[in-house]
Amino acid sequence: VQYAYKSANIKLPRTAAQQYRSTKRIPMSRLKTGDLIFFKT
């Protein structure tokens, strides 16, 4: 995720948890291409 976003000049933190905290919450029903989905696996 960090690598893909960096290609568009968008800096993201390194871990999934940090990336979660740095994004705006959206409902799953409003997902658009390019949005991030976070899991507990």
ModelCIF file with pLDDT and N, C-alpha, C, O atoms, coordinates in Angstrom:
data_MODEL
#
_entry.id   MODEL 
#
_entity.id                         1 
_entity.type                       polymer 
_entity.pdbx_number_of_molecules   1 
#
_entity_poly.entity_id                      1 
_entity_poly.type                           'polypeptide(L)' 
_entity_poly.nstd_linkage                   no 
_entity_poly.nstd_monomer                   no 
_entity_poly.pdbx_seq_one_letter_code       VQYAYKSANIKLPRTAAQQYRSTKRIPMSRLKTGDLIFFKT 
_entity_poly.pdbx_seq_one_letter_code_can   VQYAYKSANIKLPRTAAQQYRSTKRIPMSRLKTGDLIFFKT 
_entity_poly.pdbx_strand_id                 A 
#
loop_
_entity_poly_seq.entity_id 
_entity_poly_seq.num 
_entity_poly_seq.mon_id 
_entity_poly_seq.hetero 
1 1  VAL n 
1 2  GLN n 
1 3  TYR n 
1 4  ALA n 
1 5  TYR n 
1 6  LYS n 
1 7  SER n 
1 8  ALA n 
1 9  ASN n 
1 10 ILE n 
1 11 LYS n 
1 12 LEU n 
1 13 PRO n 
1 14 ARG n 
1 15 THR n 
1 16 ALA n 
1 17 ALA n 
1 18 GLN n 
1 19 GLN n 
1 20 TYR n 
1 21 ARG n 
1 22 SER n 
1 23 THR n 
1 24 LYS n 
1 25 ARG n 
1 26 ILE n 
1 27 PRO n 
1 28 MET n 
1 29 SER n 
1 30 ARG n 
1 31 LEU n 
1 32 LYS n 
1 33 THR n 
1 34 GLY n 
1 35 ASP n 
1 36 LEU n 
1 37 ILE n 
1 38 PHE n 
1 39 PHE n 
1 40 LYS n 
1 41 THR n 
#
_struct_asym.id          A 
_struct_asym.entity_id   1 
#
loop_
_ma_qa_metric.id 
_ma_qa_metric.mode 
_ma_qa_metric.name 
_ma_qa_metric.software_group_id 
_ma_qa_metric.type 
1 global pLDDT . pLDDT 
2 local  pLDDT . pLDDT 
#
_ma_qa_metric_global.metric_id      1 
_ma_qa_metric_global.metric_value   95.85 
_ma_qa_metric_global.model_id       1 
_ma_qa_metric_global.ordinal_id     1 
#
loop_
_ma_qa_metric_local.label_asym_id 
_ma_qa_metric_local.label_comp_id 
_ma_qa_metric_local.label_seq_id 
_ma_qa_metric_local.metric_id 
_ma_qa_metric_local.metric_value 
_ma_qa_metric_local.model_id 
_ma_qa_metric_local.ordinal_id 
A VAL 1  2 98.00 1 1  
A GLN 2  2 98.00 1 2  
A TYR 3  2 98.00 1 3  
A ALA 4  2 97.00 1 4  
A TYR 5  2 97.00 1 5  
A LYS 6  2 96.00 1 6  
A SER 7  2 95.00 1 7  
A ALA 8  2 94.00 1 8  
A ASN 9  2 94.00 1 9  
A ILE 10 2 95.00 1 10 
A LYS 11 2 95.00 1 11 
A LEU 12 2 96.00 1 12 
A PRO 13 2 96.00 1 13 
A ARG 14 2 95.00 1 14 
A THR 15 2 95.00 1 15 
A ALA 16 2 96.00 1 16 
A ALA 17 2 95.00 1 17 
A GLN 18 2 96.00 1 18 
A GLN 19 2 97.00 1 19 
A TYR 20 2 97.00 1 20 
A ARG 21 2 96.00 1 21 
A SER 22 2 96.00 1 22 
A THR 23 2 96.00 1 23 
A LYS 24 2 96.00 1 24 
A ARG 25 2 96.00 1 25 
A ILE 26 2 96.00 1 26 
A PRO 27 2 96.00 1 27 
A MET 28 2 95.00 1 28 
A SER 29 2 95.00 1 29 
A ARG 30 2 95.00 1 30 
A LEU 31 2 96.00 1 31 
A LYS 32 2 95.00 1 32 
A THR 33 2 94.00 1 33 
A GLY 34 2 95.00 1 34 
A ASP 35 2 97.00 1 35 
A LEU 36 2 98.00 1 36 
A ILE 37 2 98.00 1 37 
A PHE 38 2 98.00 1 38 
A PHE 39 2 97.00 1 39 
A LYS 40 2 94.00 1 40 
A THR 41 2 91.00 1 41 
#
loop_
_atom_site.group_PDB 
_atom_site.id 
_atom_site.type_symbol 
_atom_site.label_atom_id 
_atom_site.label_alt_id 
_atom_site.label_comp_id 
_atom_site.label_asym_id 
_atom_site.label_entity_id 
_atom_site.label_seq_id 
_atom_site.pdbx_PDB_ins_code 
_atom_site.Cartn_x 
_atom_site.Cartn_y 
_atom_site.Cartn_z 
_atom_site.occupancy 
_atom_site.B_iso_or_equiv 
_atom_site.pdbx_formal_charge 
_atom_site.auth_seq_id 
_atom_site.auth_comp_id 
_atom_site.auth_asym_id 
_atom_site.auth_atom_id 
_atom_site.pdbx_PDB_model_num 
ATOM 1   N N  . VAL A 1 1  ? 0.845   -1.204  0.000  1.00 98.00 ? 1  VAL A N  1 
ATOM 2   C CA . VAL A 1 1  ? 0.000   0.000   0.000  1.00 98.00 ? 1  VAL A CA 1 
ATOM 3   C C  . VAL A 1 1  ? 0.874   1.245   0.000  1.00 98.00 ? 1  VAL A C  1 
ATOM 4   O O  . VAL A 1 1  ? 0.639   2.174   -0.773 1.00 98.00 ? 1  VAL A O  1 
ATOM 5   N N  . GLN A 1 2  ? 1.872   1.265   0.857  1.00 98.00 ? 2  GLN A N  1 
ATOM 6   C CA . GLN A 1 2  ? 2.758   2.420   0.931  1.00 98.00 ? 2  GLN A CA 1 
ATOM 7   C C  . GLN A 1 2  ? 3.468   2.655   -0.409 1.00 98.00 ? 2  GLN A C  1 
ATOM 8   O O  . GLN A 1 2  ? 3.587   3.794   -0.860 1.00 98.00 ? 2  GLN A O  1 
ATOM 9   N N  . TYR A 1 3  ? 3.929   1.593   -1.030 1.00 98.00 ? 3  TYR A N  1 
ATOM 10  C CA . TYR A 1 3  ? 4.637   1.683   -2.311 1.00 98.00 ? 3  TYR A CA 1 
ATOM 11  C C  . TYR A 1 3  ? 3.719   2.218   -3.411 1.00 98.00 ? 3  TYR A C  1 
ATOM 12  O O  . TYR A 1 3  ? 4.118   3.091   -4.182 1.00 98.00 ? 3  TYR A O  1 
ATOM 13  N N  . ALA A 1 4  ? 2.491   1.700   -3.485 1.00 97.00 ? 4  ALA A N  1 
ATOM 14  C CA . ALA A 1 4  ? 1.540   2.129   -4.517 1.00 97.00 ? 4  ALA A CA 1 
ATOM 15  C C  . ALA A 1 4  ? 1.168   3.606   -4.343 1.00 97.00 ? 4  ALA A C  1 
ATOM 16  O O  . ALA A 1 4  ? 1.117   4.351   -5.322 1.00 97.00 ? 4  ALA A O  1 
ATOM 17  N N  . TYR A 1 5  ? 0.912   4.023   -3.126 1.00 97.00 ? 5  TYR A N  1 
ATOM 18  C CA . TYR A 1 5  ? 0.553   5.421   -2.879 1.00 97.00 ? 5  TYR A CA 1 
ATOM 19  C C  . TYR A 1 5  ? 1.739   6.350   -3.107 1.00 97.00 ? 5  TYR A C  1 
ATOM 20  O O  . TYR A 1 5  ? 1.570   7.478   -3.569 1.00 97.00 ? 5  TYR A O  1 
ATOM 21  N N  . LYS A 1 6  ? 2.934   5.878   -2.784 1.00 96.00 ? 6  LYS A N  1 
ATOM 22  C CA . LYS A 1 6  ? 4.133   6.692   -2.991 1.00 96.00 ? 6  LYS A CA 1 
ATOM 23  C C  . LYS A 1 6  ? 4.318   7.008   -4.476 1.00 96.00 ? 6  LYS A C  1 
ATOM 24  O O  . LYS A 1 6  ? 4.827   8.073   -4.824 1.00 96.00 ? 6  LYS A O  1 
ATOM 25  N N  . SER A 1 7  ? 3.907   6.087   -5.349 1.00 95.00 ? 7  SER A N  1 
ATOM 26  C CA . SER A 1 7  ? 4.030   6.323   -6.792 1.00 95.00 ? 7  SER A CA 1 
ATOM 27  C C  . SER A 1 7  ? 3.185   7.508   -7.250 1.00 95.00 ? 7  SER A C  1 
ATOM 28  O O  . SER A 1 7  ? 3.441   8.090   -8.304 1.00 95.00 ? 7  SER A O  1 
ATOM 29  N N  . ALA A 1 8  ? 2.177   7.860   -6.454 1.00 94.00 ? 8  ALA A N  1 
ATOM 30  C CA . ALA A 1 8  ? 1.326   9.016   -6.760 1.00 94.00 ? 8  ALA A CA 1 
ATOM 31  C C  . ALA A 1 8  ? 1.678   10.205  -5.852 1.00 94.00 ? 8  ALA A C  1 
ATOM 32  O O  . ALA A 1 8  ? 0.885   11.132  -5.686 1.00 94.00 ? 8  ALA A O  1 
ATOM 33  N N  . ASN A 1 9  ? 2.880   10.154  -5.270 1.00 94.00 ? 9  ASN A N  1 
ATOM 34  C CA . ASN A 1 9  ? 3.373   11.223  -4.384 1.00 94.00 ? 9  ASN A CA 1 
ATOM 35  C C  . ASN A 1 9  ? 2.523   11.419  -3.139 1.00 94.00 ? 9  ASN A C  1 
ATOM 36  O O  . ASN A 1 9  ? 2.364   12.544  -2.665 1.00 94.00 ? 9  ASN A O  1 
ATOM 37  N N  . ILE A 1 10 ? 1.975   10.325  -2.606 1.00 95.00 ? 10 ILE A N  1 
ATOM 38  C CA . ILE A 1 10 ? 1.212   10.380  -1.360 1.00 95.00 ? 10 ILE A CA 1 
ATOM 39  C C  . ILE A 1 10 ? 1.977   9.567   -0.334 1.00 95.00 ? 10 ILE A C  1 
ATOM 40  O O  . ILE A 1 10 ? 2.205   8.371   -0.517 1.00 95.00 ? 10 ILE A O  1 
ATOM 41  N N  . LYS A 1 11 ? 2.368   10.219  0.737  1.00 95.00 ? 11 LYS A N  1 
ATOM 42  C CA . LYS A 1 11 ? 3.128   9.534   1.784  1.00 95.00 ? 11 LYS A CA 1 
ATOM 43  C C  . LYS A 1 11 ? 2.174   8.925   2.800  1.00 95.00 ? 11 LYS A C  1 
ATOM 44  O O  . LYS A 1 11 ? 1.271   9.588   3.311  1.00 95.00 ? 11 LYS A O  1 
ATOM 45  N N  . LEU A 1 12 ? 2.398   7.651   3.079  1.00 96.00 ? 12 LEU A N  1 
ATOM 46  C CA . LEU A 1 12 ? 1.628   6.949   4.096  1.00 96.00 ? 12 LEU A CA 1 
ATOM 47  C C  . LEU A 1 12 ? 2.580   6.365   5.126  1.00 96.00 ? 12 LEU A C  1 
ATOM 48  O O  . LEU A 1 12 ? 3.728   6.061   4.801  1.00 96.00 ? 12 LEU A O  1 
ATOM 49  N N  . PRO A 1 13 ? 2.125   6.202   6.360  1.00 96.00 ? 13 PRO A N  1 
ATOM 50  C CA . PRO A 1 13 ? 2.954   5.532   7.352  1.00 96.00 ? 13 PRO A CA 1 
ATOM 51  C C  . PRO A 1 13 ? 3.191   4.068   6.964  1.00 96.00 ? 13 PRO A C  1 
ATOM 52  O O  . PRO A 1 13 ? 2.604   3.580   5.998  1.00 96.00 ? 13 PRO A O  1 
ATOM 53  N N  . ARG A 1 14 ? 4.039   3.378   7.706  1.00 95.00 ? 14 ARG A N  1 
ATOM 54  C CA . ARG A 1 14 ? 4.499   2.056   7.307  1.00 95.00 ? 14 ARG A CA 1 
ATOM 55  C C  . ARG A 1 14 ? 3.552   0.911   7.659  1.00 95.00 ? 14 ARG A C  1 
ATOM 56  O O  . ARG A 1 14 ? 3.392   0.002   6.845  1.00 95.00 ? 14 ARG A O  1 
ATOM 57  N N  . THR A 1 15 ? 2.924   0.911   8.820  1.00 95.00 ? 15 THR A N  1 
ATOM 58  C CA . THR A 1 15 ? 2.136   -0.260  9.228  1.00 95.00 ? 15 THR A CA 1 
ATOM 59  C C  . THR A 1 15 ? 0.654   -0.080  8.909  1.00 95.00 ? 15 THR A C  1 
ATOM 60  O O  . THR A 1 15 ? 0.172   1.036   8.714  1.00 95.00 ? 15 THR A O  1 
ATOM 61  N N  . ALA A 1 16 ? -0.055  -1.211  8.862  1.00 96.00 ? 16 ALA A N  1 
ATOM 62  C CA . ALA A 1 16 ? -1.501  -1.174  8.585  1.00 96.00 ? 16 ALA A CA 1 
ATOM 63  C C  . ALA A 1 16 ? -2.233  -0.354  9.640  1.00 96.00 ? 16 ALA A C  1 
ATOM 64  O O  . ALA A 1 16 ? -3.123  0.428   9.304  1.00 96.00 ? 16 ALA A O  1 
ATOM 65  N N  . ALA A 1 17 ? -1.876  -0.519  10.899 1.00 95.00 ? 17 ALA A N  1 
ATOM 66  C CA . ALA A 1 17 ? -2.542  0.230   11.976 1.00 95.00 ? 17 ALA A CA 1 
ATOM 67  C C  . ALA A 1 17 ? -2.297  1.728   11.830 1.00 95.00 ? 17 ALA A C  1 
ATOM 68  O O  . ALA A 1 17 ? -3.214  2.528   12.020 1.00 95.00 ? 17 ALA A O  1 
ATOM 69  N N  . GLN A 1 18 ? -1.062  2.113   11.492 1.00 96.00 ? 18 GLN A N  1 
ATOM 70  C CA . GLN A 1 18 ? -0.763  3.539   11.305 1.00 96.00 ? 18 GLN A CA 1 
ATOM 71  C C  . GLN A 1 18 ? -1.495  4.090   10.084 1.00 96.00 ? 18 GLN A C  1 
ATOM 72  O O  . GLN A 1 18 ? -1.967  5.227   10.097 1.00 96.00 ? 18 GLN A O  1 
ATOM 73  N N  . GLN A 1 19 ? -1.587  3.286   9.037  1.00 97.00 ? 19 GLN A N  1 
ATOM 74  C CA . GLN A 1 19 ? -2.310  3.716   7.841  1.00 97.00 ? 19 GLN A CA 1 
ATOM 75  C C  . GLN A 1 19 ? -3.791  3.904   8.153  1.00 97.00 ? 19 GLN A C  1 
ATOM 76  O O  . GLN A 1 19 ? -4.428  4.829   7.649  1.00 97.00 ? 19 GLN A O  1 
ATOM 77  N N  . TYR A 1 20 ? -4.329  3.027   8.981  1.00 97.00 ? 20 TYR A N  1 
ATOM 78  C CA . TYR A 1 20 ? -5.733  3.141   9.391  1.00 97.00 ? 20 TYR A CA 1 
ATOM 79  C C  . TYR A 1 20 ? -5.966  4.478   10.099 1.00 97.00 ? 20 TYR A C  1 
ATOM 80  O O  . TYR A 1 20 ? -6.938  5.182   9.823  1.00 97.00 ? 20 TYR A O  1 
ATOM 81  N N  . ARG A 1 21 ? -5.060  4.808   11.009 1.00 96.00 ? 21 ARG A N  1 
ATOM 82  C CA . ARG A 1 21 ? -5.204  6.059   11.770 1.00 96.00 ? 21 ARG A CA 1 
ATOM 83  C C  . ARG A 1 21 ? -5.031  7.296   10.899 1.00 96.00 ? 21 ARG A C  1 
ATOM 84  O O  . ARG A 1 21 ? -5.534  8.365   11.245 1.00 96.00 ? 21 ARG A O  1 
ATOM 85  N N  . SER A 1 22 ? -4.330  7.170   9.775  1.00 96.00 ? 22 SER A N  1 
ATOM 86  C CA . SER A 1 22 ? -4.074  8.350   8.940  1.00 96.00 ? 22 SER A CA 1 
ATOM 87  C C  . SER A 1 22 ? -5.099  8.519   7.816  1.00 96.00 ? 22 SER A C  1 
ATOM 88  O O  . SER A 1 22 ? -4.955  9.411   6.979  1.00 96.00 ? 22 SER A O  1 
ATOM 89  N N  . THR A 1 23 ? -6.126  7.676   7.790  1.00 96.00 ? 23 THR A N  1 
ATOM 90  C CA . THR A 1 23 ? -7.151  7.796   6.749  1.00 96.00 ? 23 THR A CA 1 
ATOM 91  C C  . THR A 1 23 ? -8.480  8.245   7.341  1.00 96.00 ? 23 THR A C  1 
ATOM 92  O O  . THR A 1 23 ? -8.719  8.134   8.544  1.00 96.00 ? 23 THR A O  1 
ATOM 93  N N  . LYS A 1 24 ? -9.331  8.753   6.465  1.00 96.00 ? 24 LYS A N  1 
ATOM 94  C CA . LYS A 1 24 ? -10.671 9.184   6.866  1.00 96.00 ? 24 LYS A CA 1 
ATOM 95  C C  . LYS A 1 24 ? -11.600 7.970   6.815  1.00 96.00 ? 24 LYS A C  1 
ATOM 96  O O  . LYS A 1 24 ? -11.631 7.263   5.808  1.00 96.00 ? 24 LYS A O  1 
ATOM 97  N N  . ARG A 1 25 ? -12.345 7.723   7.871  1.00 96.00 ? 25 ARG A N  1 
ATOM 98  C CA . ARG A 1 25 ? -13.281 6.589   7.920  1.00 96.00 ? 25 ARG A CA 1 
ATOM 99  C C  . ARG A 1 25 ? -14.397 6.763   6.897  1.00 96.00 ? 25 ARG A C  1 
ATOM 100 O O  . ARG A 1 25 ? -14.965 7.845   6.754  1.00 96.00 ? 25 ARG A O  1 
ATOM 101 N N  . ILE A 1 26 ? -14.696 5.691   6.198  1.00 96.00 ? 26 ILE A N  1 
ATOM 102 C CA . ILE A 1 26 ? -15.827 5.688   5.272  1.00 96.00 ? 26 ILE A CA 1 
ATOM 103 C C  . ILE A 1 26 ? -16.576 4.368   5.442  1.00 96.00 ? 26 ILE A C  1 
ATOM 104 O O  . ILE A 1 26 ? -15.965 3.351   5.769  1.00 96.00 ? 26 ILE A O  1 
ATOM 105 N N  . PRO A 1 27 ? -17.883 4.372   5.227  1.00 96.00 ? 27 PRO A N  1 
ATOM 106 C CA . PRO A 1 27 ? -18.621 3.113   5.322  1.00 96.00 ? 27 PRO A CA 1 
ATOM 107 C C  . PRO A 1 27 ? -18.276 2.205   4.135  1.00 96.00 ? 27 PRO A C  1 
ATOM 108 O O  . PRO A 1 27 ? -17.946 2.684   3.050  1.00 96.00 ? 27 PRO A O  1 
ATOM 109 N N  . MET A 1 28 ? -18.355 0.907   4.356  1.00 95.00 ? 28 MET A N  1 
ATOM 110 C CA . MET A 1 28 ? -18.039 -0.057  3.305  1.00 95.00 ? 28 MET A CA 1 
ATOM 111 C C  . MET A 1 28 ? -18.946 0.143   2.085  1.00 95.00 ? 28 MET A C  1 
ATOM 112 O O  . MET A 1 28 ? -18.543 -0.146  0.959  1.00 95.00 ? 28 MET A O  1 
ATOM 113 N N  . SER A 1 29 ? -20.150 0.631   2.306  1.00 95.00 ? 29 SER A N  1 
ATOM 114 C CA . SER A 1 29 ? -21.082 0.853   1.198  1.00 95.00 ? 29 SER A CA 1 
ATOM 115 C C  . SER A 1 29 ? -20.637 2.002   0.289  1.00 95.00 ? 29 SER A C  1 
ATOM 116 O O  . SER A 1 29 ? -21.146 2.142   -0.823 1.00 95.00 ? 29 SER A O  1 
ATOM 117 N N  . ARG A 1 30 ? -19.693 2.821   0.752  1.00 95.00 ? 30 ARG A N  1 
ATOM 118 C CA . ARG A 1 30 ? -19.210 3.973   -0.020 1.00 95.00 ? 30 ARG A CA 1 
ATOM 119 C C  . ARG A 1 30 ? -17.815 3.760   -0.604 1.00 95.00 ? 30 ARG A C  1 
ATOM 120 O O  . ARG A 1 30 ? -17.187 4.719   -1.054 1.00 95.00 ? 30 ARG A O  1 
ATOM 121 N N  . LEU A 1 31 ? -17.324 2.531   -0.605 1.00 96.00 ? 31 LEU A N  1 
ATOM 122 C CA . LEU A 1 31 ? -15.983 2.256   -1.123 1.00 96.00 ? 31 LEU A CA 1 
ATOM 123 C C  . LEU A 1 31 ? -15.854 2.677   -2.581 1.00 96.00 ? 31 LEU A C  1 
ATOM 124 O O  . LEU A 1 31 ? -16.741 2.436   -3.399 1.00 96.00 ? 31 LEU A O  1 
ATOM 125 N N  . LYS A 1 32 ? -14.714 3.318   -2.886 1.00 95.00 ? 32 LYS A N  1 
ATOM 126 C CA . LYS A 1 32 ? -14.369 3.663   -4.268 1.00 95.00 ? 32 LYS A CA 1 
ATOM 127 C C  . LYS A 1 32 ? -13.024 3.025   -4.567 1.00 95.00 ? 32 LYS A C  1 
ATOM 128 O O  . LYS A 1 32 ? -12.265 2.703   -3.654 1.00 95.00 ? 32 LYS A O  1 
ATOM 129 N N  . THR A 1 33 ? -12.735 2.846   -5.838 1.00 94.00 ? 33 THR A N  1 
ATOM 130 C CA . THR A 1 33 ? -11.444 2.279   -6.189 1.00 94.00 ? 33 THR A CA 1 
ATOM 131 C C  . THR A 1 33 ? -10.334 3.160   -5.628 1.00 94.00 ? 33 THR A C  1 
ATOM 132 O O  . THR A 1 33 ? -10.400 4.388   -5.696 1.00 94.00 ? 33 THR A O  1 
ATOM 133 N N  . GLY A 1 34 ? -9.322  2.516   -5.078 1.00 95.00 ? 34 GLY A N  1 
ATOM 134 C CA . GLY A 1 34 ? -8.217  3.231   -4.469 1.00 95.00 ? 34 GLY A CA 1 
ATOM 135 C C  . GLY A 1 34 ? -8.349  3.409   -2.969 1.00 95.00 ? 34 GLY A C  1 
ATOM 136 O O  . GLY A 1 34 ? -7.371  3.751   -2.305 1.00 95.00 ? 34 GLY A O  1 
ATOM 137 N N  . ASP A 1 35 ? -9.545  3.185   -2.414 1.00 97.00 ? 35 ASP A N  1 
ATOM 138 C CA . ASP A 1 35 ? -9.718  3.263   -0.963 1.00 97.00 ? 35 ASP A CA 1 
ATOM 139 C C  . ASP A 1 35 ? -9.020  2.070   -0.308 1.00 97.00 ? 35 ASP A C  1 
ATOM 140 O O  . ASP A 1 35 ? -8.741  1.064   -0.960 1.00 97.00 ? 35 ASP A O  1 
ATOM 141 N N  . LEU A 1 36 ? -8.750  2.198   0.970  1.00 98.00 ? 36 LEU A N  1 
ATOM 142 C CA . LEU A 1 36 ? -8.082  1.136   1.710  1.00 98.00 ? 36 LEU A CA 1 
ATOM 143 C C  . LEU A 1 36 ? -9.087  0.378   2.572  1.00 98.00 ? 36 LEU A C  1 
ATOM 144 O O  . LEU A 1 36 ? -10.000 0.964   3.152  1.00 98.00 ? 36 LEU A O  1 
ATOM 145 N N  . ILE A 1 37 ? -8.896  -0.937  2.642  1.00 98.00 ? 37 ILE A N  1 
ATOM 146 C CA . ILE A 1 37 ? -9.739  -1.781  3.488  1.00 98.00 ? 37 ILE A CA 1 
ATOM 147 C C  . ILE A 1 37 ? -8.826  -2.399  4.541  1.00 98.00 ? 37 ILE A C  1 
ATOM 148 O O  . ILE A 1 37 ? -7.769  -2.943  4.221  1.00 98.00 ? 37 ILE A O  1 
ATOM 149 N N  . PHE A 1 38 ? -9.247  -2.309  5.799  1.00 98.00 ? 38 PHE A N  1 
ATOM 150 C CA . PHE A 1 38 ? -8.434  -2.779  6.910  1.00 98.00 ? 38 PHE A CA 1 
ATOM 151 C C  . PHE A 1 38 ? -9.077  -3.995  7.569  1.00 98.00 ? 38 PHE A C  1 
ATOM 152 O O  . PHE A 1 38 ? -10.297 -4.082  7.705  1.00 98.00 ? 38 PHE A O  1 
ATOM 153 N N  . PHE A 1 39 ? -8.215  -4.932  7.975  1.00 97.00 ? 39 PHE A N  1 
ATOM 154 C CA . PHE A 1 39 ? -8.684  -6.211  8.507  1.00 97.00 ? 39 PHE A CA 1 
ATOM 155 C C  . PHE A 1 39 ? -7.958  -6.565  9.798  1.00 97.00 ? 39 PHE A C  1 
ATOM 156 O O  . PHE A 1 39 ? -6.877  -6.057  10.093 1.00 97.00 ? 39 PHE A O  1 
ATOM 157 N N  . LYS A 1 40 ? -8.590  -7.451  10.554 1.00 94.00 ? 40 LYS A N  1 
ATOM 158 C CA . LYS A 1 40 ? -7.915  -8.156  11.648 1.00 94.00 ? 40 LYS A CA 1 
ATOM 159 C C  . LYS A 1 40 ? -7.991  -9.624  11.265 1.00 94.00 ? 40 LYS A C  1 
ATOM 160 O O  . LYS A 1 40 ? -9.054  -10.242 11.325 1.00 94.00 ? 40 LYS A O  1 
ATOM 161 N N  . THR A 1 41 ? -6.840  -10.178 10.868 1.00 91.00 ? 41 THR A N  1 
ATOM 162 C CA . THR A 1 41 ? -6.817  -11.548 10.338 1.00 91.00 ? 41 THR A CA 1 
ATOM 163 C C  . THR A 1 41 ? -6.299  -12.567 11.336 1.00 91.00 ? 41 THR A C  1 
ATOM 164 O O  . THR A 1 41 ? -6.226  -13.756 11.024 1.00 91.00 ? 41 THR A O  1 
#
